[in-house]
Protein backbone atom coordinates (compact mmCIF):
# COMPACT_ATOMS: atom_id res chain seq x y z
CA MET A 1 -12.95 5.46 10.77
CA LEU A 2 -12.31 2.58 8.37
CA ILE A 3 -9.20 2.85 6.22
CA TYR A 4 -8.84 0.66 3.14
CA LEU A 5 -5.16 0.31 2.24
CA ILE A 6 -4.92 -0.80 -1.38
CA ARG A 7 -1.81 -1.86 -3.22
CA HIS A 8 -1.73 -0.70 -6.85
CA GLY A 9 -2.47 -3.14 -9.68
CA GLU A 10 0.09 -5.20 -11.59
CA LYS A 11 2.79 -2.95 -13.10
CA GLU A 12 5.01 -3.35 -16.12
CA LYS A 13 8.39 -4.93 -15.31
CA LEU A 14 10.30 -1.73 -16.03
CA LYS A 15 12.58 0.54 -14.00
CA GLU A 16 11.66 3.69 -12.08
CA ASN A 17 7.99 4.66 -12.50
CA PRO A 18 6.22 2.07 -14.70
CA LEU A 19 2.60 2.00 -15.89
CA LEU A 20 0.02 -0.63 -15.02
CA THR A 21 -0.33 -3.60 -17.34
CA LYS A 22 -3.68 -4.41 -18.99
CA LEU A 23 -4.22 -6.94 -16.20
CA GLY A 24 -3.35 -4.26 -13.64
CA LEU A 25 -6.08 -2.00 -15.05
CA LYS A 26 -8.59 -4.88 -14.85
CA GLN A 27 -7.54 -5.53 -11.24
CA ALA A 28 -8.11 -1.84 -10.46
CA GLN A 29 -11.60 -2.06 -11.98
CA LYS A 30 -12.49 -5.12 -9.88
CA THR A 31 -11.15 -3.31 -6.82
CA ALA A 32 -13.34 -0.31 -7.65
CA GLU A 33 -16.38 -2.60 -7.88
CA TYR A 34 -15.63 -3.92 -4.37
CA PHE A 35 -16.66 -0.47 -3.10
CA LYS A 36 -19.99 -0.42 -4.98
CA ASN A 37 -22.05 -0.46 -1.77
CA ILE A 38 -19.52 1.22 0.54
CA LYS A 39 -19.88 4.95 1.10
CA VAL A 40 -16.30 6.16 0.67
CA LYS A 41 -15.62 9.75 1.67
CA LYS A 42 -12.11 10.30 0.27
CA ILE A 43 -9.44 8.65 -1.89
CA TYR A 44 -5.73 9.30 -1.38
CA SER A 45 -2.91 8.04 -3.58
CA SER A 46 0.84 7.72 -3.86
CA PRO A 47 2.05 10.03 -6.66
CA LEU A 48 3.78 7.15 -8.48
CA ILE A 49 2.10 6.37 -11.81
CA ARG A 50 0.99 2.81 -10.97
CA ALA A 51 -0.81 4.01 -7.84
CA MET A 52 -2.35 7.03 -9.58
CA GLN A 53 -3.66 4.85 -12.42
CA THR A 54 -5.24 2.50 -9.86
CA SER A 55 -6.72 5.49 -8.00
CA GLU A 56 -8.06 6.98 -11.22
CA VAL A 57 -9.99 3.81 -12.06
CA ILE A 58 -11.46 3.69 -8.53
CA SER A 59 -12.22 7.42 -8.46
CA LYS A 60 -14.05 7.32 -11.81
CA TYR A 61 -16.15 4.36 -10.66
CA LEU A 62 -17.01 6.01 -7.34
CA LYS A 63 -17.30 9.52 -8.87
CA LEU A 64 -14.84 10.88 -6.30
CA ASP A 65 -11.66 12.87 -6.89
CA PHE A 66 -8.42 11.58 -5.44
CA GLU A 67 -5.56 13.46 -3.84
CA THR A 68 -1.86 12.49 -3.98
CA ASN A 69 0.60 12.61 -1.10
CA ASP A 70 4.37 11.99 -1.12
CA LEU A 71 4.18 10.15 2.23
CA LEU A 72 2.49 7.27 0.38
CA LYS A 73 5.46 6.55 -1.93
CA GLU A 74 7.15 3.15 -1.82
CA ARG A 75 10.28 2.58 0.30
CA PHE A 76 12.38 2.74 -2.91
CA ASN A 77 12.07 1.53 -6.50
CA TRP A 78 14.08 -0.40 -9.04
CA GLY A 79 16.01 2.20 -11.01
CA ASP A 80 16.31 4.80 -8.24
CA ILE A 81 20.03 4.01 -8.39
CA GLU A 82 21.57 4.64 -11.80
CA ASN A 83 22.50 1.50 -13.83
CA GLN A 84 21.06 -0.75 -11.11
CA THR A 85 20.22 -4.30 -12.22
CA PHE A 86 17.05 -5.99 -11.03
CA SER A 87 19.01 -8.50 -8.95
CA GLU A 88 20.90 -5.65 -7.27
CA PHE A 89 17.56 -4.01 -6.46
CA ILE A 90 16.20 -7.27 -4.99
CA ASN A 91 19.31 -7.72 -2.81
CA ILE A 92 18.97 -4.19 -1.42
CA TRP A 93 15.23 -4.71 -0.86
CA LYS A 94 15.78 -7.97 1.04
CA LYS A 95 18.51 -6.40 3.20
CA SER A 96 16.26 -3.44 4.07
CA SER A 97 13.40 -5.80 4.97
CA LEU A 98 15.61 -7.87 7.29
CA ILE A 99 17.57 -4.97 8.85
CA ARG A 100 14.71 -2.56 9.25
CA ASN A 101 16.74 0.47 10.37
CA TRP A 102 19.30 0.08 7.57
CA GLN A 103 19.42 3.14 5.32
CA PRO A 104 19.53 2.10 1.63
CA PRO A 105 21.57 4.18 -0.86
CA LYS A 106 18.34 5.87 -2.05
CA GLY A 107 14.90 6.04 -0.48
CA PHE A 108 13.85 5.05 3.04
CA SER A 109 14.52 2.30 5.52
CA SER A 110 11.71 -0.17 6.20
CA ASN A 111 11.02 1.50 9.56
CA GLU A 112 10.98 5.00 8.02
CA ALA A 113 8.60 3.92 5.26
CA GLY A 114 6.17 2.48 7.82
CA GLU A 115 6.42 5.67 9.89
CA ARG A 116 5.64 7.76 6.80
CA LEU A 117 2.42 5.83 6.15
CA GLN A 118 1.46 6.08 9.82
CA LYS A 119 2.12 9.84 9.80
CA PHE A 120 -0.13 10.18 6.76
CA ILE A 121 -2.95 8.13 8.29
CA ASN A 122 -2.71 10.10 11.54
CA SER A 123 -3.02 13.33 9.55
CA ILE A 124 -6.43 12.42 8.10
CA ASN A 125 -8.94 14.66 9.83
CA GLU A 126 -12.15 13.07 8.56
CA LYS A 127 -15.06 12.21 10.84
CA LEU A 128 -14.55 9.03 12.83
CA ASN A 129 -17.29 7.19 10.94
CA SER A 130 -15.70 7.93 7.53
CA LYS A 131 -14.50 5.32 5.08
CA ILE A 132 -11.21 6.28 3.41
CA ILE A 133 -9.29 4.64 0.54
CA VAL A 134 -5.49 4.91 0.50
CA VAL A 135 -3.78 3.56 -2.65
CA SER A 136 -0.12 2.87 -2.04
CA HIS A 137 2.47 0.07 -2.39
CA GLY A 138 3.02 -3.39 -0.98
CA GLY A 139 6.30 -2.66 0.76
CA ILE A 140 5.16 0.42 2.65
CA ILE A 141 1.87 -1.22 3.70
CA ALA A 142 3.78 -4.22 5.11
CA ASP A 143 6.27 -1.81 6.75
CA PHE A 144 3.43 0.06 8.46
CA LEU A 145 1.86 -3.17 9.71
CA ARG A 146 5.20 -4.44 11.03
CA ASN A 147 5.79 -1.13 12.83
CA SER A 148 2.31 -0.86 14.30
CA PHE A 149 1.36 -4.38 15.40
CA GLU A 150 2.98 -7.35 17.11
CA ASP A 151 3.65 -10.45 15.01
CA LYS A 152 1.09 -12.38 17.07
CA THR A 153 -1.68 -9.93 16.12
CA LEU A 154 -0.72 -9.92 12.43
CA ASN A 155 -0.47 -13.73 12.33
CA GLU A 156 -3.97 -14.04 13.83
CA VAL A 157 -5.41 -11.94 10.99
CA PHE A 158 -3.16 -13.29 8.21
CA PRO A 159 -1.69 -16.74 9.04
CA ASN A 160 2.14 -16.68 8.95
CA PHE A 161 2.26 -12.96 8.09
CA SER A 162 5.51 -12.54 10.04
CA GLU A 163 7.13 -15.21 7.86
CA TYR A 164 5.64 -14.20 4.50
CA TYR A 165 5.16 -10.43 4.90
CA GLU A 166 6.99 -9.78 1.61
CA ASN A 167 4.25 -11.64 -0.30
CA SER A 168 1.25 -10.90 1.89
CA ILE A 169 0.27 -7.62 0.22
CA SER A 170 -0.59 -8.76 -3.33
CA VAL A 171 -1.41 -6.43 -6.22
CA CYS A 172 -4.77 -4.72 -5.70
CA SER A 173 -5.22 -6.43 -2.34
CA ILE A 174 -7.20 -4.63 0.35
CA THR A 175 -6.02 -4.29 3.95
CA ILE A 176 -8.66 -2.85 6.29
CA LEU A 177 -7.86 -0.90 9.44
CA LYS A 178 -10.17 0.56 12.04
CA ARG A 179 -8.80 3.80 13.47
CA LYS A 180 -10.00 5.54 16.60
CA ASN A 181 -7.97 8.39 18.17
CA ASN A 182 -4.79 7.21 16.39
CA ASN A 183 -5.25 3.68 17.73
CA TYR A 184 -5.58 0.95 15.12
CA LYS A 185 -7.19 -2.44 14.85
CA VAL A 186 -6.47 -4.69 11.86
CA ILE A 187 -9.68 -6.05 10.36
CA SER A 188 -8.09 -7.86 7.40
CA ILE A 189 -4.75 -8.06 5.58
CA GLY A 190 -4.18 -8.46 1.86
CA GLU A 191 -7.72 -9.52 0.88
CA THR A 192 -7.96 -10.58 -2.79
CA LYS A 193 -11.37 -12.30 -3.02
CA HIS A 194 -12.73 -9.36 -5.06
CA LEU A 195 -10.20 -10.09 -7.84
CA LYS A 196 -11.58 -13.58 -8.59
């Protein structure tokens, strides 16, 4: 089974559950076109608006429905805490990335977020030769990779991933995993060539 982990397109710089920008919608369209000659069996999405909008563009292009799942939500979002400033959000995010078991005031720790994505992927019961799209968020994708693979492996696929993991999963980037019997191999991390 090949799993294509896609981060949503560029979002508006607003709290809580923002929409995609016009650029974000264009990025989603280019991402959809990447799959023109790939026979995708299923599309799954985080239920947050930015991920669902990205999934909708891809699903229309591929003429496939998509299904949402709460396990694909981001670790936490700006605005989850009432009256939170953006700098306060960034400080909490950085702390949770460095201290991976630390429980933030709302949402999930970095380790928990990665475990949630792994639990979701393990639950997919498609045939082993299927190609599956999972539209989610940059933080949780990086969390899953950090949980599941050694730094050495990640750095071989994406140079300096362990140092720059926060910026390695760009908007509408594609990370490809090969799964066999709940064992994973990373094929690529944060590919963006299709957006150029």
